[in-house]
N, C-alpha and C. Protein backbone atom coordinates (compact mmCIF):
# COMPACT_ATOMS: atom_id res chain seq x y z
N UNK A 1 0.83 -1.19 0.00
CA UNK A 1 0.00 0.00 0.00
C UNK A 1 0.87 1.25 0.00
N UNK A 2 0.52 2.24 -0.86
CA UNK A 2 1.26 3.49 -0.88
C UNK A 2 1.03 4.23 0.43
N UNK A 3 2.11 4.79 0.96
CA UNK A 3 2.02 5.50 2.23
C UNK A 3 1.93 7.00 2.00
N UNK A 4 1.07 7.65 2.76
CA UNK A 4 0.99 9.11 2.72
C UNK A 4 1.97 9.65 3.74
N UNK A 5 2.97 10.39 3.28
CA UNK A 5 4.06 10.82 4.15
C UNK A 5 3.97 12.29 4.55
N UNK A 6 3.03 13.02 3.96
CA UNK A 6 2.89 14.43 4.30
C UNK A 6 2.06 14.57 5.59
N UNK A 7 1.89 15.79 6.06
CA UNK A 7 1.11 16.03 7.27
C UNK A 7 -0.35 15.65 7.06
N UNK A 8 -0.89 14.81 7.95
CA UNK A 8 -2.29 14.40 7.81
C UNK A 8 -3.23 15.56 8.12
N UNK A 9 -2.73 16.58 8.80
CA UNK A 9 -3.57 17.74 9.08
C UNK A 9 -4.01 18.42 7.77
N UNK A 10 -3.18 18.31 6.74
CA UNK A 10 -3.53 18.89 5.44
C UNK A 10 -4.76 18.21 4.85
N UNK A 11 -4.93 16.92 5.15
CA UNK A 11 -6.09 16.19 4.63
C UNK A 11 -7.37 16.72 5.27
N UNK A 12 -7.33 17.00 6.56
CA UNK A 12 -8.51 17.56 7.23
C UNK A 12 -8.82 18.95 6.68
N UNK A 13 -7.77 19.74 6.47
CA UNK A 13 -7.97 21.08 5.93
C UNK A 13 -8.54 21.01 4.51
N UNK A 14 -8.11 20.02 3.76
CA UNK A 14 -8.62 19.88 2.39
C UNK A 14 -10.10 19.53 2.39
N UNK A 15 -10.52 18.70 3.35
CA UNK A 15 -11.93 18.31 3.42
C UNK A 15 -12.76 19.26 4.28
N UNK A 16 -12.09 20.26 4.88
CA UNK A 16 -12.75 21.31 5.66
C UNK A 16 -13.49 20.76 6.87
N UNK A 17 -12.98 19.69 7.44
CA UNK A 17 -13.54 19.15 8.68
C UNK A 17 -12.53 18.19 9.31
N UNK A 18 -12.66 18.01 10.61
CA UNK A 18 -11.76 17.10 11.32
C UNK A 18 -12.10 15.65 10.97
N UNK A 19 -11.08 14.90 10.57
CA UNK A 19 -11.24 13.48 10.30
C UNK A 19 -10.64 12.63 11.41
N UNK A 20 -10.06 13.28 12.42
CA UNK A 20 -9.47 12.61 13.57
C UNK A 20 -8.46 11.53 13.14
N UNK A 21 -7.60 11.92 12.20
CA UNK A 21 -6.60 11.00 11.69
C UNK A 21 -5.48 10.74 12.69
N UNK A 22 -5.38 11.61 13.72
CA UNK A 22 -4.42 11.39 14.80
C UNK A 22 -5.11 10.92 16.07
N UNK A 23 -6.36 10.54 15.96
CA UNK A 23 -7.09 10.04 17.12
C UNK A 23 -7.38 11.12 18.14
N UNK A 24 -7.16 10.81 19.42
CA UNK A 24 -7.46 11.73 20.51
C UNK A 24 -6.66 13.02 20.44
N UNK A 25 -5.49 12.99 19.82
CA UNK A 25 -4.66 14.20 19.72
C UNK A 25 -5.38 15.32 18.99
N UNK A 26 -6.33 14.95 18.14
CA UNK A 26 -7.07 15.96 17.38
C UNK A 26 -8.02 16.76 18.27
N UNK A 27 -8.31 16.26 19.46
CA UNK A 27 -9.18 16.97 20.38
C UNK A 27 -8.44 18.03 21.19
N UNK A 28 -7.12 17.90 21.28
CA UNK A 28 -6.35 18.80 22.14
C UNK A 28 -5.47 19.77 21.36
N UNK A 29 -4.67 19.25 20.46
CA UNK A 29 -3.76 20.09 19.70
C UNK A 29 -3.94 19.80 18.22
N UNK A 30 -4.65 20.72 17.56
CA UNK A 30 -4.99 20.48 16.15
C UNK A 30 -4.85 21.78 15.37
N UNK A 31 -4.08 21.74 14.29
CA UNK A 31 -3.88 22.94 13.46
C UNK A 31 -5.17 23.37 12.78
N UNK A 32 -6.12 22.45 12.67
CA UNK A 32 -7.40 22.78 12.02
C UNK A 32 -8.16 23.84 12.83
N UNK A 33 -7.90 23.89 14.14
CA UNK A 33 -8.59 24.84 15.01
C UNK A 33 -8.02 26.25 14.90
N UNK A 34 -6.86 26.38 14.28
CA UNK A 34 -6.26 27.70 14.13
C UNK A 34 -6.90 28.44 12.96
N UNK A 35 -6.64 29.75 12.89
CA UNK A 35 -7.20 30.55 11.81
C UNK A 35 -6.71 30.07 10.46
N UNK A 36 -5.43 29.73 10.38
CA UNK A 36 -4.83 29.24 9.13
C UNK A 36 -5.43 27.90 8.73
N UNK A 37 -5.80 27.10 9.73
CA UNK A 37 -6.32 25.77 9.44
C UNK A 37 -7.65 25.75 8.75
N UNK A 38 -8.36 26.88 8.72
CA UNK A 38 -9.66 26.92 8.06
C UNK A 38 -9.54 26.97 6.55
N UNK A 39 -8.35 27.31 6.05
CA UNK A 39 -8.14 27.37 4.60
C UNK A 39 -7.55 26.07 4.09
N UNK A 40 -7.99 25.60 2.93
CA UNK A 40 -7.40 24.39 2.32
C UNK A 40 -5.91 24.59 2.07
N UNK A 41 -5.12 23.52 2.00
CA UNK A 41 -3.68 23.63 1.76
C UNK A 41 -3.39 24.42 0.48
N UNK A 42 -2.41 25.32 0.57
CA UNK A 42 -2.02 26.09 -0.61
C UNK A 42 -2.76 27.39 -0.78
N UNK A 43 -3.79 27.62 0.07
CA UNK A 43 -4.57 28.85 -0.04
C UNK A 43 -4.26 29.76 1.13
N UNK A 44 -3.99 31.01 0.84
CA UNK A 44 -3.67 31.98 1.89
C UNK A 44 -4.90 32.76 2.34
N UNK A 45 -5.84 32.92 1.43
CA UNK A 45 -7.04 33.67 1.77
C UNK A 45 -8.25 32.79 1.80
N UNK A 46 -9.40 33.35 2.05
CA UNK A 46 -10.62 32.55 2.16
C UNK A 46 -11.58 32.77 1.02
N UNK A 47 -11.11 33.43 -0.07
CA UNK A 47 -12.01 33.76 -1.16
C UNK A 47 -12.58 32.54 -1.85
N UNK A 48 -11.77 31.47 -1.96
CA UNK A 48 -12.21 30.28 -2.70
C UNK A 48 -13.30 29.53 -1.97
N UNK A 49 -13.41 29.76 -0.66
CA UNK A 49 -14.40 29.02 0.11
C UNK A 49 -15.82 29.45 -0.23
N UNK A 50 -15.96 30.67 -0.81
CA UNK A 50 -17.29 31.17 -1.13
C UNK A 50 -17.79 30.65 -2.47
N UNK A 51 -16.92 30.01 -3.24
CA UNK A 51 -17.32 29.48 -4.53
C UNK A 51 -18.24 28.28 -4.35
N UNK A 52 -19.28 28.23 -5.16
CA UNK A 52 -20.21 27.12 -5.09
C UNK A 52 -19.62 25.91 -5.80
N UNK A 53 -19.63 24.77 -5.10
CA UNK A 53 -19.06 23.55 -5.68
C UNK A 53 -20.05 22.92 -6.64
N UNK A 54 -19.53 22.33 -7.72
CA UNK A 54 -20.38 21.61 -8.66
C UNK A 54 -20.83 20.30 -8.03
N UNK A 55 -21.82 19.67 -8.63
CA UNK A 55 -22.31 18.39 -8.11
C UNK A 55 -21.22 17.34 -8.15
N UNK A 56 -20.43 17.37 -9.22
CA UNK A 56 -19.33 16.40 -9.32
C UNK A 56 -18.32 16.62 -8.20
N UNK A 57 -17.99 17.89 -7.93
CA UNK A 57 -17.02 18.21 -6.88
C UNK A 57 -17.53 17.76 -5.51
N UNK A 58 -18.81 17.94 -5.25
CA UNK A 58 -19.39 17.51 -3.97
C UNK A 58 -19.26 15.99 -3.80
N UNK A 59 -19.55 15.26 -4.87
CA UNK A 59 -19.45 13.80 -4.82
C UNK A 59 -18.00 13.36 -4.66
N UNK A 60 -17.12 14.01 -5.38
CA UNK A 60 -15.70 13.66 -5.30
C UNK A 60 -15.15 13.91 -3.90
N UNK A 61 -15.51 15.06 -3.30
CA UNK A 61 -15.02 15.38 -1.97
C UNK A 61 -15.52 14.37 -0.94
N UNK A 62 -16.75 13.89 -1.10
CA UNK A 62 -17.28 12.91 -0.15
C UNK A 62 -16.54 11.58 -0.27
N UNK A 63 -16.21 11.21 -1.50
CA UNK A 63 -15.44 9.98 -1.71
C UNK A 63 -14.04 10.12 -1.15
N UNK A 64 -13.41 11.26 -1.39
CA UNK A 64 -12.06 11.50 -0.89
C UNK A 64 -12.05 11.53 0.63
N UNK A 65 -13.08 12.09 1.23
CA UNK A 65 -13.17 12.14 2.69
C UNK A 65 -13.21 10.72 3.26
N UNK A 66 -14.05 9.87 2.68
CA UNK A 66 -14.16 8.49 3.15
C UNK A 66 -12.87 7.72 2.93
N UNK A 67 -12.26 7.92 1.78
CA UNK A 67 -11.01 7.22 1.45
C UNK A 67 -9.89 7.60 2.42
N UNK A 68 -9.79 8.88 2.72
CA UNK A 68 -8.75 9.35 3.61
C UNK A 68 -9.03 8.96 5.06
N UNK A 69 -10.29 8.95 5.43
CA UNK A 69 -10.66 8.57 6.79
C UNK A 69 -10.19 7.16 7.11
N UNK A 70 -10.38 6.23 6.17
CA UNK A 70 -10.01 4.84 6.40
C UNK A 70 -8.61 4.51 5.90
N UNK A 71 -7.90 5.49 5.35
CA UNK A 71 -6.51 5.29 4.95
C UNK A 71 -6.31 4.37 3.78
N UNK A 72 -7.13 4.53 2.73
CA UNK A 72 -7.07 3.63 1.58
C UNK A 72 -6.55 4.33 0.33
N UNK A 73 -5.96 3.56 -0.57
CA UNK A 73 -5.59 4.08 -1.87
C UNK A 73 -6.84 4.12 -2.74
N UNK A 74 -6.74 4.80 -3.88
CA UNK A 74 -7.87 4.88 -4.80
C UNK A 74 -8.29 3.48 -5.28
N UNK A 75 -7.31 2.66 -5.59
CA UNK A 75 -7.59 1.31 -6.08
C UNK A 75 -8.29 0.46 -5.02
N UNK A 76 -7.82 0.56 -3.79
CA UNK A 76 -8.43 -0.20 -2.70
C UNK A 76 -9.87 0.24 -2.47
N UNK A 77 -10.08 1.55 -2.47
CA UNK A 77 -11.43 2.07 -2.21
C UNK A 77 -12.39 1.61 -3.31
N UNK A 78 -11.94 1.68 -4.55
CA UNK A 78 -12.79 1.24 -5.67
C UNK A 78 -13.11 -0.24 -5.56
N UNK A 79 -12.14 -1.02 -5.10
CA UNK A 79 -12.37 -2.46 -4.90
C UNK A 79 -13.51 -2.69 -3.91
N UNK A 80 -13.53 -1.91 -2.82
CA UNK A 80 -14.60 -2.06 -1.83
C UNK A 80 -15.94 -1.66 -2.41
N UNK A 81 -15.94 -0.63 -3.26
CA UNK A 81 -17.20 -0.21 -3.87
C UNK A 81 -17.75 -1.31 -4.78
N UNK A 82 -16.90 -1.90 -5.59
CA UNK A 82 -17.33 -2.98 -6.48
C UNK A 82 -17.88 -4.14 -5.66
N UNK A 83 -17.20 -4.47 -4.58
CA UNK A 83 -17.67 -5.56 -3.71
C UNK A 83 -19.01 -5.22 -3.08
N UNK A 84 -19.17 -3.97 -2.64
CA UNK A 84 -20.42 -3.54 -2.01
C UNK A 84 -21.57 -3.55 -3.01
N UNK A 85 -21.27 -3.22 -4.25
CA UNK A 85 -22.29 -3.17 -5.30
C UNK A 85 -22.83 -4.56 -5.62
N UNK A 86 -22.03 -5.58 -5.38
CA UNK A 86 -22.44 -6.95 -5.68
C UNK A 86 -23.23 -7.58 -4.52
N UNK A 87 -23.22 -6.92 -3.37
CA UNK A 87 -23.93 -7.45 -2.20
C UNK A 87 -25.40 -7.06 -2.24
N UNK A 88 -26.22 -7.78 -1.50
CA UNK A 88 -27.63 -7.44 -1.38
C UNK A 88 -27.77 -6.20 -0.52
N UNK A 89 -28.80 -5.41 -0.79
CA UNK A 89 -29.03 -4.21 0.00
C UNK A 89 -28.53 -2.96 -0.69
N UNK A 90 -28.51 -1.85 0.05
CA UNK A 90 -28.07 -0.58 -0.49
C UNK A 90 -26.55 -0.54 -0.61
N UNK A 91 -26.07 -0.18 -1.78
CA UNK A 91 -24.63 -0.18 -2.04
C UNK A 91 -23.88 0.74 -1.08
N UNK A 92 -24.43 1.93 -0.83
CA UNK A 92 -23.77 2.88 0.06
C UNK A 92 -23.60 2.34 1.47
N UNK A 93 -24.66 1.74 2.01
CA UNK A 93 -24.58 1.15 3.35
C UNK A 93 -23.62 -0.03 3.37
N UNK A 94 -23.67 -0.84 2.33
CA UNK A 94 -22.75 -1.99 2.24
C UNK A 94 -21.30 -1.53 2.24
N UNK A 95 -21.03 -0.44 1.52
CA UNK A 95 -19.67 0.08 1.43
C UNK A 95 -19.15 0.49 2.80
N UNK A 96 -19.94 1.26 3.53
CA UNK A 96 -19.49 1.73 4.84
C UNK A 96 -19.39 0.59 5.84
N UNK A 97 -20.25 -0.41 5.71
CA UNK A 97 -20.16 -1.58 6.59
C UNK A 97 -18.86 -2.33 6.36
N UNK A 98 -18.48 -2.50 5.10
CA UNK A 98 -17.22 -3.18 4.78
C UNK A 98 -16.03 -2.41 5.35
N UNK A 99 -16.06 -1.10 5.21
CA UNK A 99 -14.96 -0.28 5.70
C UNK A 99 -14.88 -0.33 7.23
N UNK A 100 -16.03 -0.32 7.90
CA UNK A 100 -16.04 -0.38 9.36
C UNK A 100 -15.58 -1.73 9.88
N UNK A 101 -15.83 -2.78 9.11
CA UNK A 101 -15.48 -4.13 9.55
C UNK A 101 -14.04 -4.52 9.22
N UNK A 102 -13.29 -3.61 8.62
CA UNK A 102 -11.86 -3.87 8.42
C UNK A 102 -11.21 -4.06 9.79
N UNK A 103 -10.24 -4.96 9.85
CA UNK A 103 -9.61 -5.27 11.13
C UNK A 103 -8.93 -4.05 11.74
N UNK A 104 -8.23 -3.25 10.92
CA UNK A 104 -7.54 -2.09 11.50
C UNK A 104 -8.53 -1.09 12.08
N UNK A 105 -9.70 -0.93 11.42
CA UNK A 105 -10.70 -0.01 11.94
C UNK A 105 -11.30 -0.51 13.25
N UNK A 106 -11.53 -1.82 13.34
CA UNK A 106 -12.09 -2.40 14.56
C UNK A 106 -11.10 -2.28 15.71
N UNK A 107 -9.82 -2.51 15.44
CA UNK A 107 -8.79 -2.35 16.47
C UNK A 107 -8.80 -0.91 16.99
N UNK A 108 -8.96 0.04 16.09
CA UNK A 108 -9.03 1.45 16.47
C UNK A 108 -10.28 1.74 17.29
N UNK A 109 -11.42 1.25 16.85
CA UNK A 109 -12.68 1.55 17.53
C UNK A 109 -12.82 0.83 18.87
N UNK A 110 -12.06 -0.22 19.06
CA UNK A 110 -12.03 -0.89 20.36
C UNK A 110 -11.10 -0.16 21.34
N UNK A 111 -10.36 0.83 20.84
CA UNK A 111 -9.47 1.59 21.70
C UNK A 111 -8.12 0.95 21.90
N UNK A 112 -7.82 -0.11 21.17
CA UNK A 112 -6.52 -0.77 21.29
C UNK A 112 -5.42 0.12 20.74
N UNK A 113 -5.77 0.95 19.77
CA UNK A 113 -4.82 1.90 19.17
C UNK A 113 -5.45 3.28 19.16
N UNK A 114 -4.66 4.33 19.34
CA UNK A 114 -5.21 5.69 19.39
C UNK A 114 -5.63 6.28 18.05
N UNK A 115 -5.22 5.65 16.94
CA UNK A 115 -5.58 6.13 15.61
C UNK A 115 -5.61 4.94 14.65
N UNK A 116 -6.23 5.15 13.50
CA UNK A 116 -6.28 4.06 12.51
C UNK A 116 -4.89 3.76 11.97
N UNK A 117 -4.07 4.78 11.83
CA UNK A 117 -2.71 4.57 11.33
C UNK A 117 -1.93 3.67 12.29
N UNK A 118 -2.05 3.95 13.59
CA UNK A 118 -1.38 3.12 14.59
C UNK A 118 -1.97 1.71 14.61
N UNK A 119 -3.30 1.62 14.45
CA UNK A 119 -3.96 0.32 14.42
C UNK A 119 -3.44 -0.52 13.25
N UNK A 120 -3.23 0.15 12.12
CA UNK A 120 -2.72 -0.54 10.93
C UNK A 120 -1.33 -1.11 11.19
N UNK A 121 -0.51 -0.35 11.89
CA UNK A 121 0.84 -0.82 12.21
C UNK A 121 0.79 -2.00 13.17
N UNK A 122 -0.07 -1.92 14.17
CA UNK A 122 -0.19 -3.00 15.14
C UNK A 122 -0.60 -4.30 14.46
N UNK A 123 -1.55 -4.19 13.53
CA UNK A 123 -2.01 -5.38 12.80
C UNK A 123 -0.90 -5.90 11.89
N UNK A 124 -0.26 -4.99 11.16
CA UNK A 124 0.82 -5.38 10.24
C UNK A 124 1.94 -6.13 10.94
N UNK A 125 2.24 -5.75 12.18
CA UNK A 125 3.33 -6.37 12.93
C UNK A 125 2.91 -7.64 13.67
N UNK A 126 1.68 -8.08 13.42
CA UNK A 126 1.25 -9.38 13.95
C UNK A 126 0.88 -9.39 15.42
N UNK A 127 0.45 -8.25 15.97
CA UNK A 127 0.12 -8.18 17.39
C UNK A 127 -1.34 -8.51 17.69
N UNK A 128 -2.14 -8.74 16.64
CA UNK A 128 -3.57 -8.98 16.83
C UNK A 128 -3.96 -10.40 16.44
N UNK A 129 -4.81 -11.01 17.26
CA UNK A 129 -5.33 -12.35 16.99
C UNK A 129 -6.82 -12.25 16.69
N UNK A 130 -7.26 -12.99 15.69
CA UNK A 130 -8.68 -13.11 15.38
C UNK A 130 -9.07 -14.57 15.55
N UNK A 131 -9.96 -14.81 16.50
CA UNK A 131 -10.35 -16.19 16.83
C UNK A 131 -9.12 -17.03 17.17
N UNK A 132 -8.20 -16.40 17.94
CA UNK A 132 -6.98 -17.04 18.46
C UNK A 132 -5.94 -17.35 17.39
N UNK A 133 -6.11 -16.79 16.19
CA UNK A 133 -5.12 -16.96 15.14
C UNK A 133 -4.58 -15.60 14.71
N UNK A 134 -3.27 -15.52 14.51
CA UNK A 134 -2.66 -14.25 14.14
C UNK A 134 -3.11 -13.83 12.75
N UNK A 135 -3.54 -12.58 12.65
CA UNK A 135 -3.93 -12.00 11.36
C UNK A 135 -3.16 -10.70 11.20
N UNK A 136 -2.36 -10.59 10.14
CA UNK A 136 -1.56 -9.39 9.93
C UNK A 136 -1.99 -8.60 8.70
N UNK A 137 -3.26 -8.77 8.31
CA UNK A 137 -3.82 -8.04 7.17
C UNK A 137 -4.78 -6.98 7.67
N UNK A 138 -4.42 -5.70 7.59
CA UNK A 138 -5.30 -4.63 8.07
C UNK A 138 -6.68 -4.64 7.40
N UNK A 139 -6.73 -5.09 6.14
CA UNK A 139 -7.99 -5.09 5.41
C UNK A 139 -8.83 -6.34 5.61
N UNK A 140 -8.44 -7.20 6.52
CA UNK A 140 -9.22 -8.42 6.80
C UNK A 140 -10.62 -8.01 7.26
N UNK A 141 -11.66 -8.55 6.62
CA UNK A 141 -13.03 -8.20 6.96
C UNK A 141 -13.57 -9.16 8.03
N UNK A 142 -13.93 -8.59 9.15
CA UNK A 142 -14.44 -9.39 10.26
C UNK A 142 -15.90 -9.75 10.08
N UNK A 143 -16.32 -10.79 10.75
CA UNK A 143 -17.71 -11.26 10.69
C UNK A 143 -18.30 -11.26 12.10
N UNK A 144 -19.61 -11.39 12.16
CA UNK A 144 -20.29 -11.46 13.45
C UNK A 144 -19.76 -12.65 14.25
N UNK A 145 -19.52 -12.42 15.54
CA UNK A 145 -19.00 -13.38 16.51
C UNK A 145 -17.49 -13.58 16.42
N UNK A 146 -16.83 -12.87 15.52
CA UNK A 146 -15.37 -12.93 15.49
C UNK A 146 -14.81 -12.31 16.78
N UNK A 147 -13.79 -12.94 17.32
CA UNK A 147 -13.17 -12.50 18.57
C UNK A 147 -11.81 -11.88 18.26
N UNK A 148 -11.59 -10.68 18.79
CA UNK A 148 -10.34 -9.95 18.55
C UNK A 148 -9.58 -9.84 19.87
N UNK A 149 -8.37 -10.35 19.90
CA UNK A 149 -7.55 -10.28 21.11
C UNK A 149 -6.15 -9.76 20.77
N UNK A 150 -5.41 -9.42 21.81
CA UNK A 150 -4.05 -8.90 21.65
C UNK A 150 -3.06 -9.98 22.08
N UNK A 151 -1.97 -10.09 21.35
CA UNK A 151 -0.93 -11.05 21.74
C UNK A 151 -0.48 -10.78 23.17
N UNK A 152 -0.18 -11.83 23.89
CA UNK A 152 0.15 -11.72 25.31
C UNK A 152 1.30 -10.73 25.54
N UNK A 153 2.32 -10.78 24.72
CA UNK A 153 3.48 -9.90 24.91
C UNK A 153 3.14 -8.44 24.65
N UNK A 154 2.10 -8.20 23.86
CA UNK A 154 1.73 -6.83 23.49
C UNK A 154 0.84 -6.18 24.54
N UNK A 155 0.20 -6.97 25.38
CA UNK A 155 -0.75 -6.42 26.36
C UNK A 155 -0.09 -5.43 27.31
N UNK A 156 1.20 -5.58 27.55
CA UNK A 156 1.90 -4.69 28.47
C UNK A 156 2.48 -3.45 27.78
N UNK A 157 2.27 -3.34 26.47
CA UNK A 157 2.79 -2.19 25.73
C UNK A 157 2.18 -0.90 26.27
N UNK A 158 3.04 0.09 26.54
CA UNK A 158 2.60 1.34 27.15
C UNK A 158 1.56 2.07 26.30
N UNK A 159 1.80 2.14 24.98
CA UNK A 159 0.88 2.86 24.11
C UNK A 159 -0.49 2.17 24.06
N UNK A 160 -0.48 0.85 24.02
CA UNK A 160 -1.73 0.09 23.99
C UNK A 160 -2.49 0.27 25.29
N UNK A 161 -1.81 0.16 26.42
CA UNK A 161 -2.45 0.31 27.72
C UNK A 161 -3.05 1.71 27.88
N UNK A 162 -2.31 2.72 27.49
CA UNK A 162 -2.79 4.10 27.62
C UNK A 162 -4.01 4.33 26.75
N UNK A 163 -3.98 3.80 25.53
CA UNK A 163 -5.11 3.97 24.62
C UNK A 163 -6.36 3.29 25.16
N UNK A 164 -6.20 2.10 25.71
CA UNK A 164 -7.35 1.36 26.27
C UNK A 164 -7.92 2.09 27.48
N UNK A 165 -7.05 2.62 28.31
CA UNK A 165 -7.50 3.35 29.51
C UNK A 165 -8.29 4.60 29.15
N UNK A 166 -7.93 5.24 28.06
CA UNK A 166 -8.58 6.48 27.66
C UNK A 166 -9.88 6.25 26.90
N UNK A 167 -10.18 5.01 26.57
CA UNK A 167 -11.39 4.70 25.82
C UNK A 167 -12.47 4.16 26.76
N UNK A 168 -13.61 4.82 26.76
CA UNK A 168 -14.70 4.36 27.63
C UNK A 168 -16.03 4.20 26.89
N UNK A 169 -16.02 4.50 25.59
CA UNK A 169 -17.23 4.33 24.80
C UNK A 169 -16.93 3.48 23.58
N UNK A 170 -17.84 2.55 23.30
CA UNK A 170 -17.67 1.65 22.17
C UNK A 170 -18.94 1.64 21.33
N UNK A 171 -18.81 1.42 20.02
CA UNK A 171 -20.02 1.35 19.18
C UNK A 171 -20.89 0.17 19.58
N UNK A 172 -22.19 0.28 19.33
CA UNK A 172 -23.14 -0.75 19.76
C UNK A 172 -22.87 -2.10 19.11
N UNK A 173 -22.19 -2.12 17.97
CA UNK A 173 -21.97 -3.38 17.27
C UNK A 173 -20.69 -4.10 17.73
N UNK A 174 -20.00 -3.51 18.73
CA UNK A 174 -18.80 -4.13 19.28
C UNK A 174 -18.90 -4.24 20.80
N UNK A 175 -18.35 -5.32 21.34
CA UNK A 175 -18.19 -5.47 22.78
C UNK A 175 -16.71 -5.58 23.09
N UNK A 176 -16.30 -4.99 24.23
CA UNK A 176 -14.89 -5.10 24.62
C UNK A 176 -14.78 -5.31 26.12
N UNK A 177 -14.05 -6.36 26.50
CA UNK A 177 -13.81 -6.68 27.90
C UNK A 177 -12.41 -6.18 28.27
N UNK A 178 -12.36 -5.17 29.13
CA UNK A 178 -11.08 -4.58 29.49
C UNK A 178 -10.25 -5.49 30.39
N UNK A 179 -10.89 -6.45 31.02
CA UNK A 179 -10.14 -7.37 31.87
C UNK A 179 -9.32 -8.35 31.05
N UNK A 180 -9.97 -8.94 30.06
CA UNK A 180 -9.28 -9.92 29.21
C UNK A 180 -8.72 -9.29 27.94
N UNK A 181 -9.03 -7.99 27.74
CA UNK A 181 -8.63 -7.27 26.52
C UNK A 181 -9.09 -8.02 25.28
N UNK A 182 -10.37 -8.38 25.28
CA UNK A 182 -10.97 -9.13 24.18
C UNK A 182 -12.19 -8.40 23.63
N UNK A 183 -12.21 -8.25 22.33
CA UNK A 183 -13.36 -7.63 21.67
C UNK A 183 -14.11 -8.64 20.83
N UNK A 184 -15.41 -8.40 20.64
CA UNK A 184 -16.25 -9.30 19.85
C UNK A 184 -17.15 -8.47 18.95
N UNK A 185 -17.27 -8.89 17.69
CA UNK A 185 -18.21 -8.26 16.77
C UNK A 185 -19.59 -8.88 17.03
N UNK A 186 -20.51 -8.09 17.55
CA UNK A 186 -21.82 -8.63 17.92
C UNK A 186 -22.88 -8.42 16.85
N UNK A 187 -22.62 -7.49 15.92
CA UNK A 187 -23.59 -7.26 14.84
C UNK A 187 -22.90 -6.48 13.72
N UNK A 188 -23.61 -6.31 12.63
CA UNK A 188 -23.10 -5.51 11.51
C UNK A 188 -23.44 -4.05 11.78
N UNK A 189 -22.49 -3.13 11.65
CA UNK A 189 -22.80 -1.72 11.91
C UNK A 189 -23.88 -1.18 10.99
N UNK A 190 -24.77 -0.39 11.57
CA UNK A 190 -25.87 0.20 10.82
C UNK A 190 -25.71 1.71 10.74
N UNK A 191 -26.59 2.38 10.01
CA UNK A 191 -26.55 3.83 9.91
C UNK A 191 -26.61 4.45 11.30
N UNK A 192 -25.81 5.44 11.52
CA UNK A 192 -25.74 6.07 12.83
C UNK A 192 -24.70 5.45 13.73
N UNK A 193 -24.14 4.30 13.32
CA UNK A 193 -23.12 3.62 14.11
C UNK A 193 -21.74 3.67 13.44
N UNK A 194 -21.67 4.32 12.28
CA UNK A 194 -20.39 4.46 11.60
C UNK A 194 -19.55 5.50 12.34
N UNK A 195 -18.24 5.44 12.18
CA UNK A 195 -17.34 6.28 12.96
C UNK A 195 -17.36 7.75 12.56
N UNK A 196 -17.85 8.07 11.37
CA UNK A 196 -17.85 9.46 10.92
C UNK A 196 -19.01 9.67 9.96
N UNK A 197 -19.69 10.82 10.02
CA UNK A 197 -20.80 11.07 9.10
C UNK A 197 -20.31 11.14 7.65
N UNK A 198 -20.79 10.23 6.83
CA UNK A 198 -20.42 10.20 5.42
C UNK A 198 -21.70 9.96 4.61
N UNK A 199 -21.91 10.79 3.61
CA UNK A 199 -23.06 10.63 2.72
C UNK A 199 -22.69 9.63 1.64
N UNK A 200 -22.95 8.37 1.90
CA UNK A 200 -22.53 7.31 0.98
C UNK A 200 -23.26 7.39 -0.35
N UNK A 201 -24.45 8.01 -0.37
CA UNK A 201 -25.20 8.12 -1.62
C UNK A 201 -24.43 8.96 -2.64
N UNK A 202 -23.73 9.97 -2.16
CA UNK A 202 -22.92 10.79 -3.07
C UNK A 202 -21.80 9.98 -3.71
N UNK A 203 -21.24 9.05 -2.94
CA UNK A 203 -20.17 8.19 -3.46
C UNK A 203 -20.74 7.24 -4.53
N UNK A 204 -21.93 6.71 -4.25
CA UNK A 204 -22.58 5.82 -5.22
C UNK A 204 -22.85 6.57 -6.51
N UNK A 205 -23.34 7.80 -6.39
CA UNK A 205 -23.63 8.61 -7.58
C UNK A 205 -22.37 8.91 -8.37
N UNK A 206 -21.26 9.15 -7.66
CA UNK A 206 -19.99 9.43 -8.33
C UNK A 206 -19.53 8.26 -9.18
N UNK A 207 -19.57 7.06 -8.61
CA UNK A 207 -19.11 5.88 -9.34
C UNK A 207 -20.13 5.41 -10.40
N UNK A 208 -21.35 5.88 -10.29
CA UNK A 208 -22.39 5.44 -11.24
C UNK A 208 -22.37 6.24 -12.53
N UNK A 209 -21.62 7.34 -12.55
CA UNK A 209 -21.56 8.18 -13.75
C UNK A 209 -20.74 7.52 -14.84
């Protein structure tokens, strides 16, 4: 996967909203909250913000927001859309469900990692077990009743412990036991349970053109 090496704060500025790409750090120290942070990267003034966006631009920005939120390349994101389109039900909802059920996203939402980027690294390095078997693929799609645990040696990691301690709320479709450090997928995420407001219909319209 191609890595984005520039400042992730620029991505939030480009989408004109916080995507919490640094996790909890975005609540305390964030350049987006500064006066300069209100302008997209490369713009010194605010004149361009008054321009009305075309329908295509609105759809593109929504797709880019979702792609950047979950840390995917264009090719990966399109792959998920094609897969969602082949599933029963609404394509937009299917797409967001697939993205939410990615292993790296679940590790993040369980509070095991403070950000999706960190969650991706933890998974890549083999620190996560799914149903007691090591899985090192961040894009692994979890299913209902799948059990997510941390390798025994990793449980004492300072960053992991701190992240777990700071997390006290979990989505309704996940359960997490802080004693055993075990999470379980109890259902498929539904509208209102996704990690960030995304108008998936705009994404569907973009790819349908």
